[in-house]
Amino acid sequence: MTELLRTPLHDSHRRLGGKMVPFAGWEMPVQYPAGIMAEHQTVRTKVGIFDVSHMGEFEVTGPDRNAFVNRITCNDVGALEPGGVQYSGILTREGTFIDDCTVYRFDDKLMIVVNASNVAAAWEHIVDQKGGANVRLKDISADVGLIAVQGPEAEKTLQPLADLPLSSIGYYRHDSGKVAGCQCFISRTGYTGEDGFELYCRWRDTPAIWEALLAAGAAPIGLGARDSLRLEMGYALYGHEIDRNITPLEAGLGWIVKLDKGAPFTGKDALGAQKARGVTRKLVGFRLLGRGIARQGYPVWHGGKQVDLVRSGTQSPSLGAAIGTTFLPAEAAKVGTRFEIECRGERIPAEVVGRPFWKNGSVRKAG
């Protein structure tokens, strides 16, 4: 059995009573003693902090860095200014996801952030495409600690610890400075639908920043609430809404695919052809109309036949309703469409609803 990796905050998670579980090869806290429901509501109403040091970071430098990253991702790096952050995808030649990612542009480099479960696959894919590009690729994942600060009180809590005005950092922008005396760069991004920041720092400095945030009143939040928060926003999670069998066009992420950016990119031909002929299925959000919770993997029925499985599903803490995602035939993927989900042998009615499910997040007021 392979030994699980540990983030620099492992001892703190234990001290705080975190329930540790295996996740993407790491030992991570799924929840703390307060419980997932309380942690979820803390992020929606106050401020919580997440250890996301298990994420992967790749640094790209050299004269061809912008052109190279534009070729290996589907969004348009050319539209990204220094100090900007961009959500994008790393795709196969068939136009399906190797991973979704965020791209950070600096004056002299780019950084690609990928999911912990896909670090090795994404790195191998990127290196394989280097060819004759005049770039230097470096996997800096083992050197970088990462803390997410999320919630309507994120700025108020973080500002006394920072040496730069956080109000000057717009949504999906980043800047450099010190937090709790430690050098890092701060992006106004997140995965919860609330205002917040992600703090990239040296691996060894992560505990000092974490402890300062705890002392400032931020609550530790585990993977359980992270998942319910992102699902309420309809955000994609690799292995659920996106994977190597799903394209951005099918997953409702066509907005990150820039077919006309003036440069070829991996998957462009396949996506161009799919767009021309039209997708046959679309990702939808749903609300369960009967009693129960639609868990991942439950069969989905429409028109008398099984059409998919539940991709993500939970009881929404903010809405008090069972929600989830699945794929439906394109002609049925309209708000109001009724279908059924097989929950423990019983077919329960469900209805397509718009996403995000939660529409009152403070992120809409940020930046």
Protein backbone atom coordinates (compact mmCIF):
# COMPACT_ATOMS: atom_id res chain seq x y z
CA MET A 1 0.00 0.00 0.00
CA THR A 2 1.39 3.40 -1.00
CA GLU A 3 1.91 5.74 1.93
CA LEU A 4 -0.32 8.81 1.82
CA LEU A 5 1.30 12.20 1.34
CA ARG A 6 0.86 14.92 3.94
CA THR A 7 0.56 18.68 3.56
CA PRO A 8 2.57 21.06 5.78
CA LEU A 9 -0.60 21.54 7.86
CA HIS A 10 -1.08 17.88 8.77
CA ASP A 11 -0.16 18.35 12.44
CA SER A 12 -2.55 21.28 12.74
CA HIS A 13 -5.41 19.27 11.25
CA ARG A 14 -4.82 16.57 13.83
CA ARG A 15 -4.64 19.10 16.66
CA LEU A 16 -7.91 20.69 15.52
CA GLY A 17 -9.67 17.33 15.53
CA GLY A 18 -9.83 16.91 11.77
CA LYS A 19 -11.20 13.57 10.54
CA MET A 20 -8.46 12.49 8.16
CA VAL A 21 -9.24 10.51 5.02
CA PRO A 22 -7.37 9.45 1.85
CA PHE A 23 -7.90 11.89 -1.03
CA ALA A 24 -6.00 11.84 -4.32
CA GLY A 25 -3.03 10.18 -2.65
CA TRP A 26 -3.02 12.60 0.29
CA GLU A 27 -4.22 12.39 3.88
CA MET A 28 -6.69 15.25 4.16
CA PRO A 29 -9.34 16.49 6.63
CA VAL A 30 -12.88 15.74 5.44
CA GLN A 31 -14.34 17.62 8.41
CA TYR A 32 -13.60 18.99 11.87
CA PRO A 33 -15.62 18.51 15.09
CA ALA A 34 -18.15 21.22 14.15
CA GLY A 35 -19.30 19.03 11.25
CA ILE A 36 -19.84 19.56 7.53
CA MET A 37 -23.15 21.44 7.89
CA ALA A 38 -21.72 23.98 10.33
CA GLU A 39 -18.54 24.40 8.27
CA HIS A 40 -20.62 24.99 5.13
CA GLN A 41 -22.69 27.70 6.83
CA THR A 42 -19.56 29.32 8.26
CA VAL A 43 -18.23 29.88 4.74
CA ARG A 44 -21.61 31.16 3.53
CA THR A 45 -21.97 33.65 6.40
CA LYS A 46 -18.52 34.35 7.89
CA VAL A 47 -15.10 33.06 6.84
CA GLY A 48 -13.39 29.69 6.61
CA ILE A 49 -9.94 28.48 5.58
CA PHE A 50 -9.08 25.42 3.51
CA ASP A 51 -5.80 23.57 3.19
CA VAL A 52 -5.38 23.05 -0.56
CA SER A 53 -1.63 22.49 -0.53
CA HIS A 54 -2.20 19.18 -2.29
CA MET A 55 -2.97 21.00 -5.55
CA GLY A 56 -0.33 20.94 -8.30
CA GLU A 57 1.55 23.95 -9.69
CA PHE A 58 3.63 24.10 -12.87
CA GLU A 59 5.84 27.05 -13.76
CA VAL A 60 6.47 27.99 -17.40
CA THR A 61 9.25 30.43 -18.28
CA GLY A 62 11.14 31.31 -21.45
CA PRO A 63 10.50 33.41 -24.59
CA ASP A 64 7.79 31.09 -25.95
CA ARG A 65 5.90 30.73 -22.65
CA ASN A 66 2.69 32.50 -23.68
CA ALA A 67 2.44 30.78 -27.06
CA PHE A 68 3.18 27.40 -25.50
CA VAL A 69 0.54 27.66 -22.77
CA ASN A 70 -1.91 28.94 -25.37
CA ARG A 71 -1.28 25.73 -27.30
CA ILE A 72 -1.77 23.36 -24.37
CA THR A 73 -4.88 25.05 -22.92
CA CYS A 74 -8.20 25.84 -24.58
CA ASN A 75 -8.80 29.38 -23.30
CA ASP A 76 -6.94 32.37 -24.76
CA VAL A 77 -3.77 33.21 -22.82
CA GLY A 78 -3.31 36.13 -25.20
CA ALA A 79 -6.26 37.82 -23.52
CA LEU A 80 -4.64 37.45 -20.10
CA GLU A 81 -2.69 40.41 -18.77
CA PRO A 82 0.07 40.19 -16.14
CA GLY A 83 -1.69 39.96 -12.80
CA GLY A 84 -4.60 38.07 -14.33
CA VAL A 85 -5.97 34.61 -13.64
CA GLN A 86 -7.84 32.47 -16.15
CA TYR A 87 -9.96 29.34 -15.82
CA SER A 88 -9.14 26.89 -18.60
CA GLY A 89 -8.80 23.27 -19.63
CA ILE A 90 -5.99 20.90 -20.55
CA LEU A 91 -7.49 18.66 -23.21
CA THR A 92 -6.84 15.48 -25.15
CA ARG A 93 -6.75 15.49 -28.96
CA GLU A 94 -10.36 14.30 -28.78
CA GLY A 95 -11.30 17.48 -26.92
CA THR A 96 -11.98 15.79 -23.57
CA PHE A 97 -10.54 16.78 -20.22
CA ILE A 98 -7.19 15.71 -18.91
CA ASP A 99 -7.92 18.32 -16.25
CA ASP A 100 -9.42 21.72 -15.71
CA CYS A 101 -6.93 24.30 -14.50
CA THR A 102 -6.24 27.92 -13.67
CA VAL A 103 -3.56 29.90 -15.45
CA TYR A 104 -1.73 32.74 -13.67
CA ARG A 105 0.16 35.29 -15.73
CA PHE A 106 3.14 37.18 -14.30
CA ASP A 107 5.50 39.61 -15.99
CA ASP A 108 8.11 36.93 -16.61
CA LYS A 109 6.31 33.58 -16.29
CA LEU A 110 3.04 31.67 -16.26
CA MET A 111 1.81 29.23 -13.66
CA ILE A 112 -0.69 26.44 -14.28
CA VAL A 113 -2.58 25.07 -11.26
CA VAL A 114 -4.08 21.58 -11.57
CA ASN A 115 -6.04 19.17 -9.38
CA ALA A 116 -4.17 16.93 -6.97
CA SER A 117 -5.57 13.79 -8.60
CA ASN A 118 -4.19 14.83 -12.00
CA VAL A 119 -0.75 16.25 -11.24
CA ALA A 120 1.17 13.36 -12.81
CA ALA A 121 -1.11 13.01 -15.84
CA ALA A 122 -1.22 16.74 -16.55
CA TRP A 123 2.56 17.12 -16.14
CA GLU A 124 3.28 14.22 -18.50
CA HIS A 125 0.83 15.59 -21.07
CA ILE A 126 2.36 19.08 -20.95
CA VAL A 127 5.95 17.85 -21.15
CA ASP A 128 5.07 15.59 -24.09
CA GLN A 129 3.91 18.65 -26.05
CA LYS A 130 7.01 20.78 -25.43
CA GLY A 131 8.57 19.90 -28.78
CA GLY A 132 10.85 22.70 -29.96
CA ALA A 133 9.23 25.42 -27.86
CA ASN A 134 11.76 27.69 -26.15
CA VAL A 135 10.34 27.23 -22.66
CA ARG A 136 11.45 25.87 -19.32
CA LEU A 137 8.94 23.71 -17.49
CA LYS A 138 9.18 23.15 -13.75
CA ASP A 139 6.86 21.20 -11.45
CA ILE A 140 6.93 23.33 -8.30
CA SER A 141 4.11 21.48 -6.51
CA ALA A 142 6.36 20.20 -3.71
CA ASP A 143 7.59 23.72 -2.94
CA VAL A 144 4.24 25.52 -2.80
CA GLY A 145 1.76 25.68 0.06
CA LEU A 146 -1.77 26.89 -0.65
CA ILE A 147 -4.49 28.17 1.67
CA ALA A 148 -7.94 29.29 0.51
CA VAL A 149 -9.70 31.97 2.57
CA GLN A 150 -13.39 32.01 1.69
CA GLY A 151 -16.52 33.79 2.91
CA PRO A 152 -18.17 37.23 3.03
CA GLU A 153 -15.76 38.21 5.84
CA ALA A 154 -12.66 37.00 3.98
CA GLU A 155 -11.26 40.43 3.17
CA LYS A 156 -11.98 41.83 6.62
CA THR A 157 -10.23 38.87 8.27
CA LEU A 158 -7.22 38.72 5.96
CA GLN A 159 -6.49 42.45 5.58
CA PRO A 160 -4.87 43.00 9.03
CA LEU A 161 -2.41 40.21 8.20
CA ALA A 162 -1.52 41.51 4.72
CA ASP A 163 0.88 44.29 3.76
CA LEU A 164 -1.01 45.31 0.60
CA PRO A 165 -4.57 46.61 0.11
CA LEU A 166 -6.73 43.60 -0.72
CA SER A 167 -9.47 45.84 -2.11
CA SER A 168 -7.15 46.59 -5.04
CA ILE A 169 -7.17 42.92 -6.13
CA GLY A 170 -10.07 42.40 -8.52
CA TYR A 171 -11.90 39.15 -9.11
CA TYR A 172 -9.63 36.68 -10.92
CA ARG A 173 -6.62 38.92 -10.37
CA HIS A 174 -3.51 38.39 -8.24
CA ASP A 175 -0.76 40.41 -6.58
CA SER A 176 2.34 39.79 -4.47
CA GLY A 177 2.87 40.73 -0.84
CA LYS A 178 3.28 39.41 2.66
CA VAL A 179 0.71 37.69 4.86
CA ALA A 180 1.62 37.18 8.51
CA GLY A 181 5.14 38.28 7.56
CA CYS A 182 5.52 35.56 4.92
CA GLN A 183 6.05 36.34 1.25
CA CYS A 184 3.32 34.99 -1.03
CA PHE A 185 1.08 35.98 -3.85
CA ILE A 186 -2.60 36.43 -3.35
CA SER A 187 -5.33 35.75 -5.89
CA ARG A 188 -8.98 36.71 -5.54
CA THR A 189 -10.38 33.39 -6.64
CA GLY A 190 -12.08 30.41 -5.06
CA TYR A 191 -14.34 27.40 -5.36
CA THR A 192 -17.23 28.27 -3.06
CA GLY A 193 -19.23 31.11 -4.61
CA GLU A 194 -18.17 33.45 -1.82
CA ASP A 195 -15.64 36.25 -1.85
CA GLY A 196 -12.20 35.01 -0.99
CA PHE A 197 -8.52 34.65 -1.67
CA GLU A 198 -6.02 31.93 -2.35
CA LEU A 199 -2.63 32.34 -0.72
CA TYR A 200 0.35 30.74 -2.49
CA CYS A 201 3.41 30.61 -0.28
CA ARG A 202 6.55 28.63 0.45
CA TRP A 203 5.78 25.15 1.74
CA ARG A 204 7.61 25.89 5.02
CA ASP A 205 5.69 29.15 5.58
CA THR A 206 2.23 27.59 5.28
CA PRO A 207 1.79 26.75 9.00
CA ALA A 208 2.61 30.32 10.11
CA ILE A 209 -0.01 31.80 7.77
CA TRP A 210 -2.57 29.15 8.75
CA GLU A 211 -2.09 29.77 12.47
CA ALA A 212 -2.36 33.53 12.00
CA LEU A 213 -5.67 33.07 10.16
CA LEU A 214 -7.00 30.80 12.91
CA ALA A 215 -6.00 33.40 15.51
CA ALA A 216 -7.83 36.05 13.46
CA GLY A 217 -11.05 34.06 13.77
CA ALA A 218 -11.20 32.04 10.54
CA ALA A 219 -12.57 28.52 10.98
CA PRO A 220 -10.90 25.42 9.48
CA ILE A 221 -13.01 23.81 6.75
CA GLY A 222 -12.68 20.26 5.41
CA LEU A 223 -13.21 18.57 2.06
CA GLY A 224 -16.83 17.70 2.83
CA ALA A 225 -17.99 21.31 3.00
CA ARG A 226 -15.71 22.25 0.10
CA ASP A 227 -17.64 19.78 -2.04
CA SER A 228 -21.13 20.91 -0.94
CA LEU A 229 -20.15 24.57 -1.44
CA ARG A 230 -18.83 24.01 -4.97
CA LEU A 231 -21.83 21.88 -5.93
CA GLU A 232 -24.28 24.59 -4.84
CA MET A 233 -22.47 26.83 -7.33
CA GLY A 234 -22.58 24.19 -10.08
CA TYR A 235 -18.78 24.22 -10.37
CA ALA A 236 -17.25 21.22 -12.14
CA LEU A 237 -15.17 18.64 -10.29
CA TYR A 238 -12.87 16.30 -12.18
CA GLY A 239 -14.14 12.72 -12.02
CA HIS A 240 -17.70 13.97 -11.70
CA GLU A 241 -18.85 16.61 -14.19
CA ILE A 242 -15.69 16.41 -16.31
CA ASP A 243 -13.25 13.64 -17.25
CA ARG A 244 -11.50 12.08 -20.25
CA ASN A 245 -14.85 11.16 -21.79
CA ILE A 246 -16.44 14.62 -21.53
CA THR A 247 -15.79 17.75 -23.57
CA PRO A 248 -16.18 21.36 -22.40
CA LEU A 249 -19.07 21.82 -24.86
CA GLU A 250 -20.98 18.96 -23.26
CA ALA A 251 -20.19 20.15 -19.73
CA GLY A 252 -21.51 23.68 -20.26
CA LEU A 253 -17.97 25.08 -20.32
CA GLY A 254 -17.96 26.22 -23.93
CA TRP A 255 -17.04 29.71 -22.70
CA ILE A 256 -13.49 28.54 -21.91
CA VAL A 257 -13.01 27.17 -25.44
CA LYS A 258 -11.64 29.86 -27.77
CA LEU A 259 -11.77 28.26 -31.21
CA ASP A 260 -11.02 31.62 -32.82
CA LYS A 261 -8.01 32.64 -30.71
CA GLY A 262 -5.77 32.55 -33.77
CA ALA A 263 -3.58 29.70 -32.58
CA PRO A 264 -4.04 25.95 -32.73
CA PHE A 265 -4.49 24.11 -29.45
CA THR A 266 -4.80 20.48 -28.47
CA GLY A 267 -8.39 19.36 -29.02
CA LYS A 268 -9.32 22.29 -31.28
CA ASP A 269 -10.21 20.22 -34.35
CA ALA A 270 -12.35 17.80 -32.37
CA LEU A 271 -14.20 20.60 -30.59
CA GLY A 272 -14.71 22.52 -33.81
CA ALA A 273 -16.30 19.45 -35.37
CA GLN A 274 -18.45 18.81 -32.30
CA LYS A 275 -19.66 22.39 -32.25
CA ALA A 276 -20.56 22.21 -35.95
CA ARG A 277 -22.64 19.05 -35.60
CA GLY A 278 -24.03 19.85 -32.15
CA VAL A 279 -23.61 17.98 -28.88
CA THR A 280 -25.82 14.99 -28.17
CA ARG A 281 -25.84 15.44 -24.39
CA LYS A 282 -25.58 18.32 -21.96
CA LEU A 283 -24.77 18.64 -18.29
CA VAL A 284 -27.73 19.83 -16.23
CA GLY A 285 -28.43 20.71 -12.65
CA PHE A 286 -31.42 19.11 -11.00
CA ARG A 287 -33.55 19.23 -7.90
CA LEU A 288 -35.06 16.06 -6.52
CA LEU A 289 -38.84 16.38 -6.22
CA GLY A 290 -39.37 13.40 -3.92
CA ARG A 291 -37.79 12.37 -0.65
CA GLY A 292 -34.21 11.15 -0.67
CA ILE A 293 -30.75 12.22 -1.77
CA ALA A 294 -29.44 11.49 -5.27
CA ARG A 295 -25.90 10.23 -4.69
CA GLN A 296 -23.14 9.97 -7.27
CA GLY A 297 -23.60 6.86 -9.42
CA TYR A 298 -27.38 6.55 -9.06
CA PRO A 299 -29.06 5.68 -12.42
CA VAL A 300 -30.82 8.48 -14.29
CA TRP A 301 -33.90 7.70 -16.41
CA HIS A 302 -35.62 9.73 -19.11
CA GLY A 303 -38.11 8.66 -21.76
CA GLY A 304 -38.28 5.14 -20.38
CA LYS A 305 -34.54 4.41 -20.61
CA GLN A 306 -31.43 4.98 -18.56
CA VAL A 307 -29.52 7.95 -19.99
CA ASP A 308 -26.76 8.56 -17.44
CA LEU A 309 -25.71 8.39 -13.80
CA VAL A 310 -25.81 11.10 -11.16
CA ARG A 311 -22.47 12.92 -11.45
CA SER A 312 -22.68 14.80 -8.12
CA GLY A 313 -25.44 14.87 -5.57
CA THR A 314 -26.07 16.06 -2.03
CA GLN A 315 -28.56 17.64 0.33
CA SER A 316 -27.89 21.34 -0.12
CA PRO A 317 -27.26 22.96 3.29
CA SER A 318 -28.09 26.43 1.94
CA LEU A 319 -31.26 25.47 0.08
CA GLY A 320 -32.58 22.60 2.17
CA ALA A 321 -33.16 20.52 -0.96
CA ALA A 322 -31.57 17.53 -2.66
CA ILE A 323 -29.60 18.76 -5.68
CA GLY A 324 -27.18 17.31 -8.18
CA THR A 325 -25.84 17.12 -11.72
CA THR A 326 -26.21 14.66 -14.58
CA PHE A 327 -26.14 14.51 -18.37
CA LEU A 328 -29.37 14.45 -20.36
CA PRO A 329 -29.95 14.16 -24.11
CA ALA A 330 -29.43 17.62 -25.59
CA GLU A 331 -33.09 17.99 -26.58
CA ALA A 332 -34.17 17.30 -22.97
CA ALA A 333 -31.60 19.51 -21.24
CA LYS A 334 -33.98 22.40 -20.61
CA VAL A 335 -35.03 23.99 -17.33
CA GLY A 336 -38.28 22.37 -16.25
CA THR A 337 -37.68 18.98 -17.88
CA ARG A 338 -38.83 16.13 -15.62
CA PHE A 339 -36.95 12.85 -15.35
CA GLU A 340 -36.31 10.17 -12.74
CA ILE A 341 -33.43 9.08 -10.53
CA GLU A 342 -33.25 5.57 -9.19
CA CYS A 343 -32.53 5.83 -5.47
CA ARG A 344 -32.14 2.47 -3.78
CA GLY A 345 -34.43 0.71 -6.21
CA GLU A 346 -37.11 3.43 -6.27
CA ARG A 347 -37.43 5.93 -9.10
CA ILE A 348 -37.86 9.42 -7.71
CA PRO A 349 -38.92 12.38 -9.87
CA ALA A 350 -36.44 15.17 -10.50
CA GLU A 351 -36.53 18.44 -12.43
CA VAL A 352 -33.88 20.35 -14.36
CA VAL A 353 -33.11 23.68 -12.70
CA GLY A 354 -30.76 26.51 -13.57
CA ARG A 355 -27.24 26.78 -12.19
CA PRO A 356 -25.85 28.02 -9.94
CA PHE A 357 -28.25 26.49 -7.44
CA TRP A 358 -27.12 29.05 -4.83
CA LYS A 359 -27.45 32.55 -6.23
CA ASN A 360 -26.64 34.76 -3.23
CA GLY A 361 -22.90 34.24 -2.92
CA SER A 362 -20.73 37.21 -1.90
CA VAL A 363 -18.38 36.52 -4.82
CA ARG A 364 -20.84 38.45 -6.99
CA LYS A 365 -20.12 41.54 -4.91
CA ALA A 366 -16.35 41.05 -4.80
CA GLY A 367 -13.61 42.91 -6.57
